[in-house]
Amino acid sequence: MNIYLTAVIKAKSAYRHEVLAVLQNMVTETRKEAANIQYDLHQGITDENVFVFYEIWENQEGLDSHGQQPYILEFAALAGEKLQEAPQIYLTKKL
């Protein structure tokens, strides 16, 4: 069963460009993962500090493996200092 994930990330203004660079690297690397079906990054129009990922994964195992990749761990390391709040993660199923 496919897993649909939406993640909302809010960067602190002073770190927006640095956070964006890390997120763009995540897109490049994640799209190489076998279990990844779709991995799109969006930026807010009225608030450029807001980034939204829309992801589709083949299964939970693939998503779990994704969470252990070095580029995801790099993002996690900067999250506490450079984000306004913890990322909001929504796991959903298609109706």
C-alpha atoms as a PDB file:
ATOM      1  CA  MET A   1       0.000   0.000   0.000  1.00  0.00           C
ATOM      2  CA  ASN A   2       1.378   3.396  -0.955  1.00  0.00           C
ATOM      3  CA  ILE A   3       2.014   5.947   1.773  1.00  0.00           C
ATOM      4  CA  TYR A   4       1.296   9.613   1.118  1.00  0.00           C
ATOM      5  CA  LEU A   5       3.182  12.112   3.245  1.00  0.00           C
ATOM      6  CA  THR A   6       2.944  15.867   3.519  1.00  0.00           C
ATOM      7  CA  ALA A   7       5.556  17.709   5.581  1.00  0.00           C
ATOM      8  CA  VAL A   8       5.366  21.402   6.488  1.00  0.00           C
ATOM      9  CA  ILE A   9       8.664  23.041   7.380  1.00  0.00           C
ATOM     10  CA  LYS A  10       9.003  26.627   8.603  1.00  0.00           C
ATOM     11  CA  ALA A  11      12.497  28.080   8.433  1.00  0.00           C
ATOM     12  CA  LYS A  12      13.626  31.029  10.488  1.00  0.00           C
ATOM     13  CA  SER A  13      14.028  34.001   8.142  1.00  0.00           C
ATOM     14  CA  ALA A  14      17.745  34.341   8.801  1.00  0.00           C
ATOM     15  CA  TYR A  15      18.326  30.714   7.750  1.00  0.00           C
ATOM     16  CA  ARG A  16      15.843  30.426   4.848  1.00  0.00           C
ATOM     17  CA  HIS A  17      18.497  30.111   2.123  1.00  0.00           C
ATOM     18  CA  GLU A  18      20.549  27.593   4.090  1.00  0.00           C
ATOM     19  CA  VAL A  19      17.468  25.490   4.883  1.00  0.00           C
ATOM     20  CA  LEU A  20      16.367  25.667   1.244  1.00  0.00           C
ATOM     21  CA  ALA A  21      19.758  24.383   0.056  1.00  0.00           C
ATOM     22  CA  VAL A  22      19.508  21.384   2.394  1.00  0.00           C
ATOM     23  CA  LEU A  23      15.918  20.698   1.289  1.00  0.00           C
ATOM     24  CA  GLN A  24      16.869  20.873  -2.394  1.00  0.00           C
ATOM     25  CA  ASN A  25      19.667  18.371  -1.772  1.00  0.00           C
ATOM     26  CA  MET A  26      17.118  16.108  -0.083  1.00  0.00           C
ATOM     27  CA  VAL A  27      14.995  16.231  -3.246  1.00  0.00           C
ATOM     28  CA  THR A  28      17.930  15.301  -5.480  1.00  0.00           C
ATOM     29  CA  GLU A  29      19.027  12.404  -3.284  1.00  0.00           C
ATOM     30  CA  THR A  30      15.582  11.113  -2.288  1.00  0.00           C
ATOM     31  CA  ARG A  31      14.443  10.766  -5.886  1.00  0.00           C
ATOM     32  CA  LYS A  32      17.202   8.131  -6.260  1.00  0.00           C
ATOM     33  CA  GLU A  33      15.670   5.920  -3.548  1.00  0.00           C
ATOM     34  CA  ALA A  34      14.012   2.776  -4.909  1.00  0.00           C
ATOM     35  CA  ALA A  35      10.867   3.065  -2.754  1.00  0.00           C
ATOM     36  CA  ASN A  36      10.250   6.714  -3.652  1.00  0.00           C
ATOM     37  CA  ILE A  37       7.446   7.334  -6.129  1.00  0.00           C
ATOM     38  CA  GLN A  38       7.138  11.107  -5.809  1.00  0.00           C
ATOM     39  CA  TYR A  39       9.017  13.742  -3.805  1.00  0.00           C
ATOM     40  CA  ASP A  40       8.088  17.357  -4.523  1.00  0.00           C
ATOM     41  CA  LEU A  41       9.168  20.482  -2.667  1.00  0.00           C
ATOM     42  CA  HIS A  42       6.999  23.613  -2.622  1.00  0.00           C
ATOM     43  CA  GLN A  43       7.608  27.085  -1.164  1.00  0.00           C
ATOM     44  CA  GLY A  44       4.976  29.393   0.278  1.00  0.00           C
ATOM     45  CA  ILE A  45       3.862  32.309  -1.879  1.00  0.00           C
ATOM     46  CA  THR A  46       2.903  34.672   0.948  1.00  0.00           C
ATOM     47  CA  ASP A  47       5.541  33.335   3.359  1.00  0.00           C
ATOM     48  CA  GLU A  48       8.771  32.235   1.680  1.00  0.00           C
ATOM     49  CA  ASN A  49       9.957  30.689   4.946  1.00  0.00           C
ATOM     50  CA  VAL A  50       7.353  27.920   4.582  1.00  0.00           C
ATOM     51  CA  PHE A  51       8.301  24.785   2.651  1.00  0.00           C
ATOM     52  CA  VAL A  52       5.997  21.862   1.953  1.00  0.00           C
ATOM     53  CA  PHE A  53       7.002  18.396   0.811  1.00  0.00           C
ATOM     54  CA  TYR A  54       4.514  16.157  -0.938  1.00  0.00           C
ATOM     55  CA  GLU A  55       5.746  12.577  -1.020  1.00  0.00           C
ATOM     56  CA  ILE A  56       4.532   9.183  -2.155  1.00  0.00           C
ATOM     57  CA  TRP A  57       6.269   6.021  -0.953  1.00  0.00           C
ATOM     58  CA  GLU A  58       5.786   2.413  -2.062  1.00  0.00           C
ATOM     59  CA  ASN A  59       5.593   1.145   1.515  1.00  0.00           C
ATOM     60  CA  GLN A  60       6.452   1.766   5.150  1.00  0.00           C
ATOM     61  CA  GLU A  61       9.795  -0.021   4.850  1.00  0.00           C
ATOM     62  CA  GLY A  62      10.896   2.397   2.136  1.00  0.00           C
ATOM     63  CA  LEU A  63       9.802   5.382   4.196  1.00  0.00           C
ATOM     64  CA  ASP A  64      11.616   4.020   7.244  1.00  0.00           C
ATOM     65  CA  SER A  65      14.794   3.558   5.196  1.00  0.00           C
ATOM     66  CA  HIS A  66      14.455   7.126   3.903  1.00  0.00           C
ATOM     67  CA  GLY A  67      14.497   8.433   7.453  1.00  0.00           C
ATOM     68  CA  GLN A  68      17.944   6.886   8.024  1.00  0.00           C
ATOM     69  CA  GLN A  69      19.654   8.381   4.967  1.00  0.00           C
ATOM     70  CA  PRO A  70      22.573  10.788   5.617  1.00  0.00           C
ATOM     71  CA  TYR A  71      20.871  13.730   3.880  1.00  0.00           C
ATOM     72  CA  ILE A  72      17.788  13.307   6.083  1.00  0.00           C
ATOM     73  CA  LEU A  73      19.959  13.106   9.195  1.00  0.00           C
ATOM     74  CA  GLU A  74      21.740  16.296   8.037  1.00  0.00           C
ATOM     75  CA  PHE A  75      18.376  18.050   7.894  1.00  0.00           C
ATOM     76  CA  ALA A  76      17.425  16.742  11.341  1.00  0.00           C
ATOM     77  CA  ALA A  77      20.666  18.152  12.759  1.00  0.00           C
ATOM     78  CA  LEU A  78      19.846  21.697  11.659  1.00  0.00           C
ATOM     79  CA  ALA A  79      16.128  21.558  12.444  1.00  0.00           C
ATOM     80  CA  GLY A  80      16.336  22.554  16.092  1.00  0.00           C
ATOM     81  CA  GLU A  81      18.319  25.728  15.495  1.00  0.00           C
ATOM     82  CA  LYS A  82      17.174  26.893  12.068  1.00  0.00           C
ATOM     83  CA  LEU A  83      13.457  26.133  12.011  1.00  0.00           C
ATOM     84  CA  GLN A  84      10.662  28.090  13.675  1.00  0.00           C
ATOM     85  CA  GLU A  85       9.152  24.849  15.020  1.00  0.00           C
ATOM     86  CA  ALA A  86       9.362  21.112  14.557  1.00  0.00           C
ATOM     87  CA  PRO A  87       8.256  19.965  11.094  1.00  0.00           C
ATOM     88  CA  GLN A  88       4.609  18.952  10.860  1.00  0.00           C
ATOM     89  CA  ILE A  89       4.305  15.513   9.270  1.00  0.00           C
ATOM     90  CA  TYR A  90       1.021  14.136   7.929  1.00  0.00           C
ATOM     91  CA  LEU A  91       0.831  10.486   6.855  1.00  0.00           C
ATOM     92  CA  THR A  92      -2.245   9.831   4.760  1.00  0.00           C
ATOM     93  CA  LYS A  93      -3.886   7.329   2.463  1.00  0.00           C
ATOM     94  CA  LYS A  94      -5.557   8.091  -0.824  1.00  0.00           C
ATOM     95  CA  LEU A  95      -9.328   7.848  -0.782  1.00  0.00           C
END
